[in-house]
N, C-alpha and C. Protein backbone atom coordinates (compact mmCIF):
# COMPACT_ATOMS: atom_id res chain seq x y z
N PHE A 1 0.81 -1.22 0.00
CA PHE A 1 0.00 0.00 0.00
C PHE A 1 0.85 1.27 0.00
N ARG A 2 2.14 1.14 0.06
CA ARG A 2 2.98 2.34 0.12
C ARG A 2 2.87 3.19 -1.14
N TYR A 3 2.48 2.58 -2.27
CA TYR A 3 2.36 3.33 -3.52
C TYR A 3 1.00 3.99 -3.70
N LEU A 4 0.04 3.67 -2.86
CA LEU A 4 -1.31 4.18 -3.07
C LEU A 4 -1.40 5.70 -3.06
N PRO A 5 -0.73 6.40 -2.16
CA PRO A 5 -0.84 7.87 -2.20
C PRO A 5 -0.36 8.48 -3.53
N LEU A 6 0.60 7.87 -4.20
CA LEU A 6 1.12 8.38 -5.47
C LEU A 6 0.28 7.96 -6.67
N THR A 7 -0.56 6.97 -6.47
CA THR A 7 -1.34 6.37 -7.55
C THR A 7 -2.43 7.29 -8.06
N THR A 8 -2.59 7.32 -9.38
CA THR A 8 -3.70 8.08 -9.98
C THR A 8 -4.84 7.15 -10.37
N HIS A 9 -4.50 5.90 -10.75
CA HIS A 9 -5.49 4.94 -11.21
C HIS A 9 -5.24 3.58 -10.55
N ILE A 10 -6.33 2.92 -10.18
CA ILE A 10 -6.24 1.58 -9.59
C ILE A 10 -6.99 0.63 -10.51
N LEU A 11 -6.29 -0.39 -10.95
CA LEU A 11 -6.84 -1.35 -11.90
C LEU A 11 -7.33 -2.59 -11.15
N LEU A 12 -8.65 -2.82 -11.17
CA LEU A 12 -9.24 -3.96 -10.47
C LEU A 12 -9.95 -4.85 -11.49
N THR A 13 -9.65 -6.14 -11.41
CA THR A 13 -10.05 -7.05 -12.48
C THR A 13 -11.20 -8.00 -12.15
N SER A 14 -11.62 -8.05 -10.90
CA SER A 14 -12.72 -8.96 -10.55
C SER A 14 -13.39 -8.47 -9.27
N PRO A 15 -14.62 -8.92 -9.03
CA PRO A 15 -15.28 -8.56 -7.77
C PRO A 15 -14.50 -9.06 -6.56
N SER A 16 -13.91 -10.25 -6.65
CA SER A 16 -13.12 -10.79 -5.53
C SER A 16 -11.92 -9.92 -5.23
N SER A 17 -11.18 -9.59 -6.27
CA SER A 17 -9.99 -8.75 -6.11
C SER A 17 -10.37 -7.38 -5.56
N SER A 18 -11.47 -6.83 -6.06
CA SER A 18 -11.94 -5.52 -5.60
C SER A 18 -12.32 -5.55 -4.13
N ALA A 19 -13.05 -6.58 -3.72
CA ALA A 19 -13.48 -6.70 -2.33
C ALA A 19 -12.28 -6.81 -1.39
N VAL A 20 -11.30 -7.63 -1.76
CA VAL A 20 -10.10 -7.80 -0.93
C VAL A 20 -9.34 -6.48 -0.86
N PHE A 21 -9.10 -5.86 -2.01
CA PHE A 21 -8.34 -4.61 -2.04
C PHE A 21 -9.04 -3.51 -1.23
N LEU A 22 -10.32 -3.30 -1.49
CA LEU A 22 -11.04 -2.21 -0.83
C LEU A 22 -11.17 -2.45 0.67
N SER A 23 -11.33 -3.68 1.08
CA SER A 23 -11.41 -4.00 2.51
C SER A 23 -10.12 -3.58 3.22
N LYS A 24 -8.99 -3.94 2.64
CA LYS A 24 -7.70 -3.57 3.23
C LYS A 24 -7.43 -2.07 3.12
N ALA A 25 -7.72 -1.49 1.96
CA ALA A 25 -7.44 -0.07 1.74
C ALA A 25 -8.27 0.82 2.67
N CYS A 26 -9.52 0.45 2.89
CA CYS A 26 -10.40 1.27 3.75
C CYS A 26 -9.95 1.25 5.21
N LYS A 27 -9.20 0.24 5.60
CA LYS A 27 -8.66 0.18 6.97
C LYS A 27 -7.43 1.07 7.12
N ARG A 28 -6.72 1.31 6.03
CA ARG A 28 -5.46 2.07 6.10
C ARG A 28 -5.56 3.52 5.64
N PHE A 29 -6.54 3.81 4.79
CA PHE A 29 -6.64 5.15 4.21
C PHE A 29 -8.05 5.69 4.36
N SER A 30 -8.15 7.00 4.31
CA SER A 30 -9.47 7.64 4.41
C SER A 30 -10.27 7.41 3.13
N LYS A 31 -11.58 7.38 3.27
CA LYS A 31 -12.44 7.25 2.08
C LYS A 31 -12.23 8.45 1.17
N SER A 32 -11.93 9.58 1.76
CA SER A 32 -11.69 10.79 0.98
C SER A 32 -10.53 10.57 0.01
N LEU A 33 -9.44 10.01 0.49
CA LEU A 33 -8.28 9.74 -0.37
C LEU A 33 -8.64 8.68 -1.42
N LEU A 34 -9.30 7.62 -0.99
CA LEU A 34 -9.63 6.53 -1.92
C LEU A 34 -10.59 6.98 -3.01
N GLN A 35 -11.48 7.91 -2.70
CA GLN A 35 -12.45 8.39 -3.70
C GLN A 35 -11.82 9.35 -4.70
N LYS A 36 -10.59 9.79 -4.44
CA LYS A 36 -9.90 10.67 -5.39
C LYS A 36 -9.17 9.87 -6.47
N LYS A 37 -9.04 8.57 -6.26
CA LYS A 37 -8.38 7.71 -7.25
C LYS A 37 -9.40 7.32 -8.31
N CYS A 38 -8.93 7.09 -9.52
CA CYS A 38 -9.81 6.61 -10.59
C CYS A 38 -9.64 5.10 -10.68
N TYR A 39 -10.75 4.38 -10.71
CA TYR A 39 -10.74 2.93 -10.73
C TYR A 39 -11.05 2.41 -12.13
N ILE A 40 -10.15 1.61 -12.65
CA ILE A 40 -10.35 0.98 -13.96
C ILE A 40 -10.87 -0.43 -13.68
N CYS A 41 -12.03 -0.75 -14.22
CA CYS A 41 -12.72 -2.00 -13.90
C CYS A 41 -12.86 -2.91 -15.11
N ILE A 42 -12.69 -4.19 -14.86
CA ILE A 42 -13.04 -5.19 -15.86
C ILE A 42 -14.36 -5.79 -15.41
N GLY A 43 -15.41 -5.50 -16.13
CA GLY A 43 -16.71 -6.09 -15.85
C GLY A 43 -17.63 -5.26 -14.98
N LYS A 44 -18.91 -5.44 -15.24
CA LYS A 44 -19.94 -4.69 -14.51
C LYS A 44 -19.98 -5.08 -13.04
N ALA A 45 -19.74 -6.35 -12.72
CA ALA A 45 -19.76 -6.79 -11.32
C ALA A 45 -18.62 -6.15 -10.54
N THR A 46 -17.46 -6.03 -11.16
CA THR A 46 -16.33 -5.35 -10.52
C THR A 46 -16.68 -3.88 -10.29
N HIS A 47 -17.26 -3.26 -11.29
CA HIS A 47 -17.69 -1.86 -11.20
C HIS A 47 -18.67 -1.68 -10.04
N GLU A 48 -19.63 -2.58 -9.92
CA GLU A 48 -20.63 -2.49 -8.84
C GLU A 48 -19.98 -2.64 -7.47
N THR A 49 -19.00 -3.53 -7.36
CA THR A 49 -18.30 -3.72 -6.09
C THR A 49 -17.63 -2.42 -5.65
N ILE A 50 -17.00 -1.73 -6.58
CA ILE A 50 -16.35 -0.45 -6.27
C ILE A 50 -17.40 0.59 -5.92
N ARG A 51 -18.45 0.68 -6.71
CA ARG A 51 -19.53 1.66 -6.47
C ARG A 51 -20.18 1.49 -5.10
N ASN A 52 -20.32 0.24 -4.64
CA ASN A 52 -20.93 -0.02 -3.34
C ASN A 52 -20.08 0.51 -2.18
N VAL A 53 -18.78 0.50 -2.35
CA VAL A 53 -17.87 0.96 -1.28
C VAL A 53 -17.51 2.43 -1.45
N LEU A 54 -17.25 2.84 -2.69
CA LEU A 54 -16.82 4.22 -2.98
C LEU A 54 -17.73 4.82 -4.06
N PRO A 55 -18.95 5.19 -3.69
CA PRO A 55 -19.92 5.63 -4.70
C PRO A 55 -19.52 6.89 -5.47
N LYS A 56 -18.65 7.71 -4.90
CA LYS A 56 -18.27 8.96 -5.57
C LYS A 56 -16.96 8.87 -6.35
N ALA A 57 -16.30 7.73 -6.28
CA ALA A 57 -15.01 7.58 -6.96
C ALA A 57 -15.21 7.51 -8.47
N PRO A 58 -14.34 8.17 -9.24
CA PRO A 58 -14.42 8.06 -10.70
C PRO A 58 -14.03 6.65 -11.14
N THR A 59 -14.72 6.15 -12.16
CA THR A 59 -14.43 4.81 -12.66
C THR A 59 -14.37 4.82 -14.19
N LEU A 60 -13.62 3.88 -14.71
CA LEU A 60 -13.57 3.62 -16.15
C LEU A 60 -13.85 2.14 -16.32
N LEU A 61 -14.71 1.80 -17.25
CA LEU A 61 -15.13 0.42 -17.43
C LEU A 61 -14.64 -0.12 -18.78
N ALA A 62 -13.93 -1.23 -18.74
CA ALA A 62 -13.47 -1.87 -19.98
C ALA A 62 -14.68 -2.35 -20.76
N SER A 63 -14.65 -2.16 -22.07
CA SER A 63 -15.80 -2.57 -22.89
C SER A 63 -15.86 -4.09 -23.05
N GLU A 64 -14.73 -4.75 -22.94
CA GLU A 64 -14.68 -6.21 -23.03
C GLU A 64 -14.27 -6.77 -21.68
N GLU A 65 -14.98 -7.77 -21.19
CA GLU A 65 -14.75 -8.29 -19.84
C GLU A 65 -13.66 -9.36 -19.80
N ILE A 66 -12.48 -9.00 -20.31
CA ILE A 66 -11.29 -9.85 -20.25
C ILE A 66 -10.11 -8.93 -19.97
N SER A 67 -9.00 -9.50 -19.56
CA SER A 67 -7.81 -8.69 -19.24
C SER A 67 -7.47 -7.72 -20.36
N GLU A 68 -7.47 -8.22 -21.59
CA GLU A 68 -7.11 -7.39 -22.73
C GLU A 68 -8.12 -6.26 -22.96
N GLY A 69 -9.29 -6.36 -22.38
CA GLY A 69 -10.31 -5.33 -22.52
C GLY A 69 -9.93 -3.99 -21.91
N VAL A 70 -8.98 -4.00 -20.98
CA VAL A 70 -8.57 -2.72 -20.37
C VAL A 70 -7.51 -1.99 -21.19
N PHE A 71 -6.91 -2.65 -22.16
CA PHE A 71 -5.85 -2.01 -22.94
C PHE A 71 -6.33 -0.71 -23.61
N PRO A 72 -7.48 -0.71 -24.30
CA PRO A 72 -7.94 0.55 -24.91
C PRO A 72 -8.20 1.65 -23.86
N VAL A 73 -8.68 1.26 -22.69
CA VAL A 73 -8.93 2.24 -21.62
C VAL A 73 -7.61 2.85 -21.16
N ILE A 74 -6.62 2.00 -20.92
CA ILE A 74 -5.32 2.47 -20.44
C ILE A 74 -4.66 3.39 -21.48
N ARG A 75 -4.82 3.07 -22.75
CA ARG A 75 -4.22 3.90 -23.80
C ARG A 75 -4.75 5.33 -23.79
N THR A 76 -5.94 5.56 -23.24
CA THR A 76 -6.52 6.90 -23.20
C THR A 76 -6.02 7.73 -22.02
N LEU A 77 -5.30 7.12 -21.09
CA LEU A 77 -4.85 7.83 -19.89
C LEU A 77 -3.69 8.77 -20.20
N PRO A 78 -3.57 9.83 -19.41
CA PRO A 78 -2.39 10.70 -19.57
C PRO A 78 -1.11 9.89 -19.31
N THR A 79 -0.05 10.23 -20.00
CA THR A 79 1.21 9.50 -19.82
C THR A 79 1.81 9.72 -18.44
N THR A 80 1.31 10.69 -17.72
CA THR A 80 1.79 10.95 -16.36
C THR A 80 1.06 10.09 -15.32
N SER A 81 0.15 9.25 -15.76
CA SER A 81 -0.63 8.41 -14.84
C SER A 81 0.28 7.40 -14.14
N TYR A 82 -0.09 7.08 -12.91
CA TYR A 82 0.61 6.05 -12.14
C TYR A 82 -0.42 5.02 -11.73
N LEU A 83 -0.27 3.80 -12.24
CA LEU A 83 -1.27 2.75 -12.02
C LEU A 83 -0.86 1.79 -10.91
N LEU A 84 -1.84 1.42 -10.11
CA LEU A 84 -1.66 0.39 -9.10
C LEU A 84 -2.49 -0.81 -9.55
N TYR A 85 -1.86 -1.97 -9.63
CA TYR A 85 -2.54 -3.16 -10.14
C TYR A 85 -2.42 -4.33 -9.16
N PRO A 86 -3.31 -4.38 -8.17
CA PRO A 86 -3.35 -5.54 -7.28
C PRO A 86 -4.11 -6.68 -7.97
N HIS A 87 -3.63 -7.90 -7.83
CA HIS A 87 -4.26 -9.01 -8.56
C HIS A 87 -4.07 -10.32 -7.83
N SER A 88 -4.72 -11.35 -8.30
CA SER A 88 -4.58 -12.70 -7.76
C SER A 88 -3.20 -13.25 -8.11
N SER A 89 -2.69 -14.11 -7.26
CA SER A 89 -1.40 -14.74 -7.57
C SER A 89 -1.51 -15.66 -8.79
N LEU A 90 -2.72 -16.01 -9.18
CA LEU A 90 -2.93 -16.89 -10.34
C LEU A 90 -3.29 -16.13 -11.61
N SER A 91 -3.29 -14.82 -11.57
CA SER A 91 -3.72 -14.05 -12.74
C SER A 91 -2.75 -14.22 -13.91
N ARG A 92 -3.31 -14.12 -15.11
CA ARG A 92 -2.47 -14.19 -16.31
C ARG A 92 -1.58 -12.95 -16.37
N PRO A 93 -0.43 -13.03 -17.02
CA PRO A 93 0.48 -11.88 -17.07
C PRO A 93 0.12 -10.83 -18.12
N ALA A 94 -1.00 -10.96 -18.81
CA ALA A 94 -1.34 -10.09 -19.94
C ALA A 94 -1.30 -8.61 -19.59
N ILE A 95 -1.92 -8.22 -18.49
CA ILE A 95 -1.98 -6.79 -18.14
C ILE A 95 -0.59 -6.27 -17.76
N LYS A 96 0.10 -7.02 -16.92
CA LYS A 96 1.44 -6.59 -16.51
C LYS A 96 2.37 -6.49 -17.72
N ASP A 97 2.30 -7.45 -18.61
CA ASP A 97 3.13 -7.42 -19.83
C ASP A 97 2.80 -6.20 -20.68
N PHE A 98 1.51 -5.89 -20.81
CA PHE A 98 1.08 -4.72 -21.58
C PHE A 98 1.63 -3.44 -20.96
N LEU A 99 1.53 -3.32 -19.64
CA LEU A 99 2.01 -2.11 -18.96
C LEU A 99 3.52 -1.94 -19.13
N LYS A 100 4.26 -3.04 -19.02
CA LYS A 100 5.72 -2.99 -19.21
C LYS A 100 6.07 -2.62 -20.64
N LYS A 101 5.46 -3.32 -21.58
CA LYS A 101 5.75 -3.12 -23.01
C LYS A 101 5.50 -1.68 -23.44
N ASN A 102 4.49 -1.05 -22.86
CA ASN A 102 4.13 0.31 -23.24
C ASN A 102 4.66 1.37 -22.28
N SER A 103 5.59 0.97 -21.42
CA SER A 103 6.32 1.88 -20.52
C SER A 103 5.43 2.72 -19.61
N TRP A 104 4.36 2.11 -19.07
CA TRP A 104 3.52 2.83 -18.11
C TRP A 104 4.18 2.82 -16.74
N HIS A 105 3.93 3.85 -15.96
CA HIS A 105 4.37 3.88 -14.57
C HIS A 105 3.35 3.07 -13.79
N PHE A 106 3.79 1.96 -13.18
CA PHE A 106 2.83 1.13 -12.45
C PHE A 106 3.53 0.31 -11.38
N PHE A 107 2.72 -0.13 -10.43
CA PHE A 107 3.18 -1.09 -9.44
C PHE A 107 2.14 -2.21 -9.42
N SER A 108 2.62 -3.42 -9.60
CA SER A 108 1.75 -4.59 -9.67
C SER A 108 2.16 -5.55 -8.57
N TYR A 109 1.18 -6.14 -7.90
CA TYR A 109 1.50 -7.12 -6.87
C TYR A 109 0.34 -8.09 -6.66
N ALA A 110 0.68 -9.31 -6.28
CA ALA A 110 -0.34 -10.32 -5.96
C ALA A 110 -0.80 -10.06 -4.53
N HIS A 111 -2.07 -9.71 -4.37
CA HIS A 111 -2.56 -9.38 -3.03
C HIS A 111 -3.46 -10.45 -2.44
N TYR A 112 -3.69 -11.53 -3.17
CA TYR A 112 -4.40 -12.66 -2.58
C TYR A 112 -4.13 -13.92 -3.40
N THR A 113 -4.34 -15.04 -2.75
CA THR A 113 -4.18 -16.34 -3.38
C THR A 113 -5.50 -17.08 -3.26
N VAL A 114 -5.89 -17.71 -4.33
CA VAL A 114 -7.12 -18.50 -4.32
C VAL A 114 -6.79 -19.89 -3.81
N LYS A 115 -7.56 -20.34 -2.82
CA LYS A 115 -7.37 -21.68 -2.28
C LYS A 115 -8.58 -22.53 -2.66
N PRO A 116 -8.34 -23.67 -3.29
CA PRO A 116 -9.47 -24.51 -3.69
C PRO A 116 -10.23 -25.07 -2.48
N ARG A 117 -11.54 -25.17 -2.65
CA ARG A 117 -12.39 -25.79 -1.63
C ARG A 117 -12.78 -27.17 -2.12
N PRO A 118 -12.91 -28.10 -1.19
CA PRO A 118 -13.36 -29.43 -1.62
C PRO A 118 -14.79 -29.34 -2.16
N ILE A 119 -15.03 -30.02 -3.25
CA ILE A 119 -16.37 -29.99 -3.86
C ILE A 119 -16.65 -31.38 -4.46
N LYS A 120 -17.88 -31.76 -4.46
CA LYS A 120 -18.27 -33.07 -4.99
C LYS A 120 -18.57 -32.97 -6.49
N LYS A 121 -18.04 -33.91 -7.25
CA LYS A 121 -18.20 -33.90 -8.70
C LYS A 121 -19.66 -33.91 -9.14
N HIS A 122 -20.50 -34.59 -8.40
CA HIS A 122 -21.90 -34.73 -8.83
C HIS A 122 -22.64 -33.39 -8.89
N LEU A 123 -22.12 -32.36 -8.26
CA LEU A 123 -22.76 -31.04 -8.32
C LEU A 123 -22.82 -30.51 -9.75
N PHE A 124 -21.91 -30.95 -10.59
CA PHE A 124 -21.86 -30.48 -11.97
C PHE A 124 -22.79 -31.25 -12.91
N SER A 125 -23.27 -32.40 -12.48
CA SER A 125 -24.04 -33.28 -13.37
C SER A 125 -25.37 -32.67 -13.83
N GLN A 126 -25.92 -31.76 -13.08
CA GLN A 126 -27.20 -31.16 -13.46
C GLN A 126 -27.09 -30.08 -14.53
N TYR A 127 -25.86 -29.70 -14.88
CA TYR A 127 -25.66 -28.61 -15.84
C TYR A 127 -25.23 -29.14 -17.20
N GLU A 128 -25.76 -28.53 -18.23
CA GLU A 128 -25.39 -28.91 -19.59
C GLU A 128 -24.13 -28.17 -20.03
N HIS A 129 -23.99 -26.90 -19.58
CA HIS A 129 -22.83 -26.07 -19.94
C HIS A 129 -22.25 -25.47 -18.66
N ILE A 130 -20.94 -25.40 -18.62
CA ILE A 130 -20.25 -24.78 -17.49
C ILE A 130 -19.29 -23.74 -18.06
N ILE A 131 -19.39 -22.52 -17.58
CA ILE A 131 -18.53 -21.44 -18.05
C ILE A 131 -17.50 -21.14 -16.97
N LEU A 132 -16.23 -21.26 -17.33
CA LEU A 132 -15.13 -20.99 -16.41
C LEU A 132 -14.58 -19.61 -16.75
N THR A 133 -14.52 -18.73 -15.76
CA THR A 133 -14.25 -17.32 -16.06
C THR A 133 -12.91 -16.80 -15.56
N SER A 134 -12.11 -17.63 -14.93
CA SER A 134 -10.82 -17.13 -14.44
C SER A 134 -9.81 -18.27 -14.41
N PRO A 135 -8.53 -17.94 -14.36
CA PRO A 135 -7.52 -18.99 -14.28
C PRO A 135 -7.72 -19.91 -13.08
N SER A 136 -8.16 -19.34 -11.96
CA SER A 136 -8.33 -20.17 -10.76
C SER A 136 -9.47 -21.17 -10.93
N THR A 137 -10.56 -20.77 -11.59
CA THR A 137 -11.66 -21.73 -11.79
C THR A 137 -11.28 -22.80 -12.81
N VAL A 138 -10.51 -22.42 -13.81
CA VAL A 138 -10.04 -23.41 -14.79
C VAL A 138 -9.15 -24.44 -14.10
N ARG A 139 -8.22 -23.98 -13.26
CA ARG A 139 -7.32 -24.90 -12.55
C ARG A 139 -8.12 -25.82 -11.61
N ALA A 140 -9.06 -25.25 -10.88
CA ALA A 140 -9.86 -26.05 -9.94
C ALA A 140 -10.67 -27.10 -10.69
N TYR A 141 -11.26 -26.72 -11.80
CA TYR A 141 -12.06 -27.66 -12.60
C TYR A 141 -11.16 -28.76 -13.16
N ALA A 142 -9.98 -28.38 -13.64
CA ALA A 142 -9.05 -29.36 -14.20
C ALA A 142 -8.57 -30.35 -13.13
N GLN A 143 -8.43 -29.89 -11.90
CA GLN A 143 -8.05 -30.80 -10.82
C GLN A 143 -9.18 -31.79 -10.53
N LEU A 144 -10.39 -31.30 -10.59
CA LEU A 144 -11.56 -32.14 -10.31
C LEU A 144 -11.83 -33.12 -11.46
N PHE A 145 -11.65 -32.63 -12.69
CA PHE A 145 -11.89 -33.44 -13.89
C PHE A 145 -10.64 -33.41 -14.77
N PRO A 146 -9.64 -34.27 -14.50
CA PRO A 146 -8.42 -34.27 -15.31
C PRO A 146 -8.71 -34.51 -16.79
N GLN A 147 -9.79 -35.24 -17.08
CA GLN A 147 -10.25 -35.41 -18.46
C GLN A 147 -11.65 -34.82 -18.53
N LEU A 148 -11.91 -34.12 -19.61
CA LEU A 148 -13.24 -33.51 -19.74
C LEU A 148 -14.31 -34.59 -19.77
N PRO A 149 -15.41 -34.37 -19.02
CA PRO A 149 -16.49 -35.37 -18.99
C PRO A 149 -17.20 -35.46 -20.33
């Protein structure tokens, strides 16, 4: 959190990541300071999570709900922007690679780790289609079903 006071934009990629980040940030910093930062969101659910905690904070929403969806948003930022990118330890490197390649001022760090919960395979039998939306859910599903059913 030492970089937060210098940060102009905070990039949050999921409701889980947003909830973890905002919970910790609200304990260390005033809401006044946090509401002065601009939040770049991937997805409407992430946007809602931020709005519920910091209703007056400026936000930018990626048009596509994938990591690469924030690239066009980031390209519109002033070159003097300083981005803070807290993420899961299992997140893909796409955003970090993009920020490095394009010489953005940023600090990126893994601020949480996803731990699998035991689950029974039969819970999936009632569904015809299953949509996996993050690296952690893909890994968990692959552990449960080493071969696709």
